Amino acid sequence: MQGIGGKEGQLAAQESVRYILTGTGRCGTGYASVLLTKAGIKCGHEMYFHPFQTRTECLDEWSRSHNSDWRKSDSSWMAVADAHLTGATIIHIARNRADTIASINRIGVLTDAGPYRQRALELCPGLSGAADPVSFWVDWVYERMRGVPTWCVDTDPRSKLAEIMGLQPDRFDGLRVKEGYNSRRLEKKP
């Protein structure tokens, strides 16, 4: 058995820590959810912060889940405006800006009518009048996340995420996450 600084001790300590990983959307929140879960940190993807309840209901569900054996953390772009209200450790997930904008445009999450666009408008009211809503959104999120520890999913090693989380640098070594994990909405639109 390893001492408190070993992986087993870390895993036990992680059970009391809750994380919110958030960003612009199309930035790696799905990937991060799988990576953390494979490392033994129960993390959902848009499990608590999603567009199918009001923001207040999402925060209430998050609060009630604190003593749950289920997912104690969430990785969701829709937590960007409310993460500071949760008491969780917040981590900003970033991705190459051009790739992020291209992906958001490709799937139409901010331009197509639907629940995801509605949530984005609710989080960022200035979005509706923006000449370039996607660039406006990305800039708004980055401003909102100023000062929050940032993990750049496409350039930073996994060890930087471990460092931000206070874990051993090798915590994520050897864990495999399928490439393009969260590409379910990338199908080309007609």
C-alpha atoms as a PDB file:
ATOM      1  CA  MET A   1       0.000   0.000   0.000  1.00  0.00           C
ATOM      2  CA  GLN A   2       1.294   3.435  -0.921  1.00  0.00           C
ATOM      3  CA  GLY A   3       1.557   6.361   1.484  1.00  0.00           C
ATOM      4  CA  ILE A   4      -0.767   9.360   1.418  1.00  0.00           C
ATOM      5  CA  GLY A   5       1.182  10.894  -1.464  1.00  0.00           C
ATOM      6  CA  GLY A   6       0.691   7.798  -3.636  1.00  0.00           C
ATOM      7  CA  LYS A   7      -2.097   7.143  -6.113  1.00  0.00           C
ATOM      8  CA  GLU A   8      -4.301   5.376  -3.543  1.00  0.00           C
ATOM      9  CA  GLY A   9      -4.030   8.260  -1.094  1.00  0.00           C
ATOM     10  CA  GLN A  10      -4.690  10.738  -3.869  1.00  0.00           C
ATOM     11  CA  LEU A  11      -7.755   8.834  -4.984  1.00  0.00           C
ATOM     12  CA  ALA A  12      -9.171   8.920  -1.454  1.00  0.00           C
ATOM     13  CA  ALA A  13      -8.445  12.658  -1.200  1.00  0.00           C
ATOM     14  CA  GLN A  14     -10.093  13.293  -4.572  1.00  0.00           C
ATOM     15  CA  GLU A  15     -13.383  11.888  -3.312  1.00  0.00           C
ATOM     16  CA  SER A  16     -13.892  15.061  -1.271  1.00  0.00           C
ATOM     17  CA  VAL A  17     -12.815  17.501  -4.022  1.00  0.00           C
ATOM     18  CA  ARG A  18     -15.293  18.571  -6.678  1.00  0.00           C
ATOM     19  CA  TYR A  19     -14.287  20.024 -10.012  1.00  0.00           C
ATOM     20  CA  ILE A  20     -15.993  22.039 -12.704  1.00  0.00           C
ATOM     21  CA  LEU A  21     -14.142  21.951 -16.016  1.00  0.00           C
ATOM     22  CA  THR A  22     -15.512  24.524 -18.407  1.00  0.00           C
ATOM     23  CA  GLY A  23     -14.707  26.517 -21.513  1.00  0.00           C
ATOM     24  CA  THR A  24     -16.204  27.662 -24.793  1.00  0.00           C
ATOM     25  CA  GLY A  25     -17.782  24.424 -25.918  1.00  0.00           C
ATOM     26  CA  ARG A  26     -16.020  22.310 -28.568  1.00  0.00           C
ATOM     27  CA  CYS A  27     -12.936  22.774 -26.353  1.00  0.00           C
ATOM     28  CA  GLY A  28     -12.492  19.304 -24.866  1.00  0.00           C
ATOM     29  CA  THR A  29     -15.008  19.058 -22.026  1.00  0.00           C
ATOM     30  CA  GLY A  30     -16.186  15.632 -23.224  1.00  0.00           C
ATOM     31  CA  TYR A  31     -12.614  14.410 -23.518  1.00  0.00           C
ATOM     32  CA  ALA A  32     -11.738  15.751 -20.054  1.00  0.00           C
ATOM     33  CA  SER A  33     -14.765  14.008 -18.537  1.00  0.00           C
ATOM     34  CA  VAL A  34     -13.650  10.632 -19.880  1.00  0.00           C
ATOM     35  CA  LEU A  35     -10.011  11.225 -18.915  1.00  0.00           C
ATOM     36  CA  LEU A  36     -10.860  12.117 -15.304  1.00  0.00           C
ATOM     37  CA  THR A  37     -13.309   9.237 -14.944  1.00  0.00           C
ATOM     38  CA  LYS A  38     -10.713   6.772 -16.248  1.00  0.00           C
ATOM     39  CA  ALA A  39      -8.307   8.184 -13.647  1.00  0.00           C
ATOM     40  CA  GLY A  40     -10.810   7.439 -10.873  1.00  0.00           C
ATOM     41  CA  ILE A  41     -12.272  10.947 -10.519  1.00  0.00           C
ATOM     42  CA  LYS A  42     -15.996  10.651 -11.161  1.00  0.00           C
ATOM     43  CA  CYS A  43     -16.704  13.376 -13.706  1.00  0.00           C
ATOM     44  CA  GLY A  44     -19.811  13.708 -15.842  1.00  0.00           C
ATOM     45  CA  HIS A  45     -20.125  15.525 -19.143  1.00  0.00           C
ATOM     46  CA  GLU A  46     -22.911  18.106 -19.122  1.00  0.00           C
ATOM     47  CA  MET A  47     -24.445  16.054 -16.351  1.00  0.00           C
ATOM     48  CA  TYR A  48     -25.331  18.900 -14.002  1.00  0.00           C
ATOM     49  CA  PHE A  49     -24.885  21.879 -16.313  1.00  0.00           C
ATOM     50  CA  HIS A  50     -26.994  21.386 -19.432  1.00  0.00           C
ATOM     51  CA  PRO A  51     -29.760  23.215 -21.347  1.00  0.00           C
ATOM     52  CA  PHE A  52     -32.691  21.051 -20.257  1.00  0.00           C
ATOM     53  CA  GLN A  53     -33.272  22.703 -16.869  1.00  0.00           C
ATOM     54  CA  THR A  54     -33.066  26.291 -15.717  1.00  0.00           C
ATOM     55  CA  ARG A  55     -29.708  27.494 -14.445  1.00  0.00           C
ATOM     56  CA  THR A  56     -31.159  27.580 -10.923  1.00  0.00           C
ATOM     57  CA  GLU A  57     -32.324  23.965 -11.236  1.00  0.00           C
ATOM     58  CA  CYS A  58     -28.867  22.960 -12.485  1.00  0.00           C
ATOM     59  CA  LEU A  59     -27.221  24.624  -9.469  1.00  0.00           C
ATOM     60  CA  ASP A  60     -29.748  23.012  -7.101  1.00  0.00           C
ATOM     61  CA  GLU A  61     -29.057  19.571  -8.586  1.00  0.00           C
ATOM     62  CA  TRP A  62     -25.299  20.194  -8.230  1.00  0.00           C
ATOM     63  CA  SER A  63     -25.781  21.094  -4.544  1.00  0.00           C
ATOM     64  CA  ARG A  64     -27.905  18.024  -3.839  1.00  0.00           C
ATOM     65  CA  SER A  65     -25.354  15.736  -5.510  1.00  0.00           C
ATOM     66  CA  HIS A  66     -22.566  16.581  -3.024  1.00  0.00           C
ATOM     67  CA  ASN A  67     -23.148  13.478  -0.906  1.00  0.00           C
ATOM     68  CA  SER A  68     -23.850  11.221  -3.859  1.00  0.00           C
ATOM     69  CA  ASP A  69     -21.700   8.263  -4.854  1.00  0.00           C
ATOM     70  CA  TRP A  70     -22.408   9.220  -8.445  1.00  0.00           C
ATOM     71  CA  ARG A  71     -20.520  11.870 -10.436  1.00  0.00           C
ATOM     72  CA  LYS A  72     -19.059  14.471  -8.112  1.00  0.00           C
ATOM     73  CA  SER A  73     -17.625  16.692 -10.845  1.00  0.00           C
ATOM     74  CA  ASP A  74     -18.854  17.994 -14.185  1.00  0.00           C
ATOM     75  CA  SER A  75     -17.215  19.061 -17.404  1.00  0.00           C
ATOM     76  CA  SER A  76     -19.522  21.412 -19.294  1.00  0.00           C
ATOM     77  CA  TRP A  77     -19.256  24.646 -21.255  1.00  0.00           C
ATOM     78  CA  MET A  78     -22.667  25.565 -19.840  1.00  0.00           C
ATOM     79  CA  ALA A  79     -21.145  25.962 -16.359  1.00  0.00           C
ATOM     80  CA  VAL A  80     -19.045  28.932 -17.484  1.00  0.00           C
ATOM     81  CA  ALA A  81     -21.285  31.606 -15.944  1.00  0.00           C
ATOM     82  CA  ASP A  82     -22.223  29.783 -12.741  1.00  0.00           C
ATOM     83  CA  ALA A  83     -19.141  27.724 -11.818  1.00  0.00           C
ATOM     84  CA  HIS A  84     -18.060  30.344  -9.272  1.00  0.00           C
ATOM     85  CA  LEU A  85     -21.308  29.697  -7.349  1.00  0.00           C
ATOM     86  CA  THR A  86     -20.605  25.984  -6.805  1.00  0.00           C
ATOM     87  CA  GLY A  87     -17.721  25.967  -4.339  1.00  0.00           C
ATOM     88  CA  ALA A  88     -15.906  23.603  -6.710  1.00  0.00           C
ATOM     89  CA  THR A  89     -12.378  23.914  -8.014  1.00  0.00           C
ATOM     90  CA  ILE A  90     -12.766  25.479 -11.470  1.00  0.00           C
ATOM     91  CA  ILE A  91     -10.514  24.564 -14.384  1.00  0.00           C
ATOM     92  CA  HIS A  92     -10.704  26.400 -17.701  1.00  0.00           C
ATOM     93  CA  ILE A  93     -10.290  24.086 -20.693  1.00  0.00           C
ATOM     94  CA  ALA A  94      -8.953  25.867 -23.757  1.00  0.00           C
ATOM     95  CA  ARG A  95      -8.294  24.710 -27.299  1.00  0.00           C
ATOM     96  CA  ASN A  96      -6.784  26.339 -30.357  1.00  0.00           C
ATOM     97  CA  ARG A  97      -9.009  29.373 -30.996  1.00  0.00           C
ATOM     98  CA  ALA A  98      -9.337  28.858 -34.779  1.00  0.00           C
ATOM     99  CA  ASP A  99     -10.193  25.167 -34.342  1.00  0.00           C
ATOM    100  CA  THR A 100     -12.739  25.996 -31.640  1.00  0.00           C
ATOM    101  CA  ILE A 101     -14.455  28.661 -33.756  1.00  0.00           C
ATOM    102  CA  ALA A 102     -14.502  26.377 -36.818  1.00  0.00           C
ATOM    103  CA  SER A 103     -16.034  23.553 -34.789  1.00  0.00           C
ATOM    104  CA  ILE A 104     -18.696  25.772 -33.207  1.00  0.00           C
ATOM    105  CA  ASN A 105     -19.580  27.152 -36.647  1.00  0.00           C
ATOM    106  CA  ARG A 106     -19.651  23.682 -38.212  1.00  0.00           C
ATOM    107  CA  ILE A 107     -22.201  22.317 -35.760  1.00  0.00           C
ATOM    108  CA  GLY A 108     -24.187  25.557 -35.483  1.00  0.00           C
ATOM    109  CA  VAL A 109     -24.542  25.463 -31.708  1.00  0.00           C
ATOM    110  CA  LEU A 110     -24.673  29.275 -31.487  1.00  0.00           C
ATOM    111  CA  THR A 111     -26.544  29.957 -34.710  1.00  0.00           C
ATOM    112  CA  ASP A 112     -29.172  27.204 -34.996  1.00  0.00           C
ATOM    113  CA  ALA A 113     -32.362  27.540 -32.996  1.00  0.00           C
ATOM    114  CA  GLY A 114     -32.364  25.051 -30.173  1.00  0.00           C
ATOM    115  CA  PRO A 115     -31.674  24.505 -26.482  1.00  0.00           C
ATOM    116  CA  TYR A 116     -27.884  24.958 -26.689  1.00  0.00           C
ATOM    117  CA  ARG A 117     -28.182  28.345 -28.409  1.00  0.00           C
ATOM    118  CA  GLN A 118     -30.866  29.380 -25.933  1.00  0.00           C
ATOM    119  CA  ARG A 119     -28.568  28.533 -23.022  1.00  0.00           C
ATOM    120  CA  ALA A 120     -25.686  30.451 -24.622  1.00  0.00           C
ATOM    121  CA  LEU A 121     -27.950  33.516 -25.036  1.00  0.00           C
ATOM    122  CA  GLU A 122     -29.047  33.199 -21.414  1.00  0.00           C
ATOM    123  CA  LEU A 123     -25.437  33.002 -20.211  1.00  0.00           C
ATOM    124  CA  CYS A 124     -24.208  35.833 -22.439  1.00  0.00           C
ATOM    125  CA  PRO A 125     -26.994  38.289 -23.380  1.00  0.00           C
ATOM    126  CA  GLY A 126     -24.677  40.396 -25.608  1.00  0.00           C
ATOM    127  CA  LEU A 127     -24.405  37.435 -27.945  1.00  0.00           C
ATOM    128  CA  SER A 128     -27.706  38.184 -29.695  1.00  0.00           C
ATOM    129  CA  GLY A 129     -26.550  41.531 -31.104  1.00  0.00           C
ATOM    130  CA  ALA A 130     -23.011  40.489 -32.011  1.00  0.00           C
ATOM    131  CA  ALA A 131     -21.926  40.810 -35.653  1.00  0.00           C
ATOM    132  CA  ASP A 132     -19.812  37.652 -35.264  1.00  0.00           C
ATOM    133  CA  PRO A 133     -21.521  35.681 -32.476  1.00  0.00           C
ATOM    134  CA  VAL A 134     -18.962  32.876 -32.336  1.00  0.00           C
ATOM    135  CA  SER A 135     -15.944  35.161 -31.932  1.00  0.00           C
ATOM    136  CA  PHE A 136     -17.932  37.274 -29.446  1.00  0.00           C
ATOM    137  CA  TRP A 137     -18.752  34.114 -27.438  1.00  0.00           C
ATOM    138  CA  VAL A 138     -15.149  32.863 -27.381  1.00  0.00           C
ATOM    139  CA  ASP A 139     -13.881  36.293 -26.277  1.00  0.00           C
ATOM    140  CA  TRP A 140     -16.591  36.487 -23.577  1.00  0.00           C
ATOM    141  CA  VAL A 141     -15.695  33.045 -22.181  1.00  0.00           C
ATOM    142  CA  TYR A 142     -11.977  33.828 -22.118  1.00  0.00           C
ATOM    143  CA  GLU A 143     -12.663  37.081 -20.272  1.00  0.00           C
ATOM    144  CA  ARG A 144     -14.937  35.263 -17.836  1.00  0.00           C
ATOM    145  CA  MET A 145     -12.208  32.678 -17.159  1.00  0.00           C
ATOM    146  CA  ARG A 146      -9.424  35.225 -16.619  1.00  0.00           C
ATOM    147  CA  GLY A 147      -7.421  34.154 -13.576  1.00  0.00           C
ATOM    148  CA  VAL A 148      -8.783  30.592 -13.567  1.00  0.00           C
ATOM    149  CA  PRO A 149      -6.166  27.844 -14.025  1.00  0.00           C
ATOM    150  CA  THR A 150      -6.180  26.874 -17.704  1.00  0.00           C
ATOM    151  CA  TRP A 151      -5.412  23.555 -19.381  1.00  0.00           C
ATOM    152  CA  CYS A 152      -4.910  23.803 -23.149  1.00  0.00           C
ATOM    153  CA  VAL A 153      -6.216  20.444 -24.299  1.00  0.00           C
ATOM    154  CA  ASP A 154      -4.388  20.487 -27.635  1.00  0.00           C
ATOM    155  CA  THR A 155      -0.967  21.767 -26.502  1.00  0.00           C
ATOM    156  CA  ASP A 156      -0.474  21.158 -22.774  1.00  0.00           C
ATOM    157  CA  PRO A 157       0.523  17.708 -21.580  1.00  0.00           C
ATOM    158  CA  ARG A 158      -1.849  15.803 -19.325  1.00  0.00           C
ATOM    159  CA  SER A 159       0.659  16.326 -16.528  1.00  0.00           C
ATOM    160  CA  LYS A 160      -0.274  20.040 -16.502  1.00  0.00           C
ATOM    161  CA  LEU A 161      -3.901  19.098 -15.798  1.00  0.00           C
ATOM    162  CA  ALA A 162      -2.679  16.838 -12.982  1.00  0.00           C
ATOM    163  CA  GLU A 163      -0.606  19.728 -11.611  1.00  0.00           C
ATOM    164  CA  ILE A 164      -3.598  22.107 -11.699  1.00  0.00           C
ATOM    165  CA  MET A 165      -5.634  19.486  -9.838  1.00  0.00           C
ATOM    166  CA  GLY A 166      -2.880  18.901  -7.263  1.00  0.00           C
ATOM    167  CA  LEU A 167      -2.246  15.327  -8.409  1.00  0.00           C
ATOM    168  CA  GLN A 168       0.895  13.352  -9.159  1.00  0.00           C
ATOM    169  CA  PRO A 169       2.179  14.286 -12.657  1.00  0.00           C
ATOM    170  CA  ASP A 170       1.748  10.701 -13.888  1.00  0.00           C
ATOM    171  CA  ARG A 171      -1.901  10.397 -12.778  1.00  0.00           C
ATOM    172  CA  PHE A 172      -3.184  10.330 -16.375  1.00  0.00           C
ATOM    173  CA  ASP A 173      -0.291   8.371 -17.918  1.00  0.00           C
ATOM    174  CA  GLY A 174      -1.307   5.377 -19.984  1.00  0.00           C
ATOM    175  CA  LEU A 175      -5.024   6.250 -20.016  1.00  0.00           C
ATOM    176  CA  ARG A 176      -6.518   5.961 -23.457  1.00  0.00           C
ATOM    177  CA  VAL A 177      -9.350   8.195 -24.589  1.00  0.00           C
ATOM    178  CA  LYS A 178     -10.700   7.661 -28.079  1.00  0.00           C
ATOM    179  CA  GLU A 179      -9.663  10.415 -30.524  1.00  0.00           C
ATOM    180  CA  GLY A 180     -12.549  12.684 -31.441  1.00  0.00           C
ATOM    181  CA  TYR A 181     -14.344  11.452 -28.334  1.00  0.00           C
ATOM    182  CA  ASN A 182     -17.068  14.085 -28.390  1.00  0.00           C
ATOM    183  CA  SER A 183     -17.645  14.364 -32.112  1.00  0.00           C
ATOM    184  CA  ARG A 184     -21.254  13.169 -31.980  1.00  0.00           C
ATOM    185  CA  ARG A 185     -22.516  16.493 -33.324  1.00  0.00           C
ATOM    186  CA  LEU A 186     -19.908  16.939 -36.029  1.00  0.00           C
ATOM    187  CA  GLU A 187     -21.921  15.330 -38.811  1.00  0.00           C
ATOM    188  CA  LYS A 188     -22.268  17.732 -41.700  1.00  0.00           C
ATOM    189  CA  LYS A 189     -25.579  19.517 -41.859  1.00  0.00           C
ATOM    190  CA  PRO A 190     -27.597  19.212 -45.090  1.00  0.00           C
END
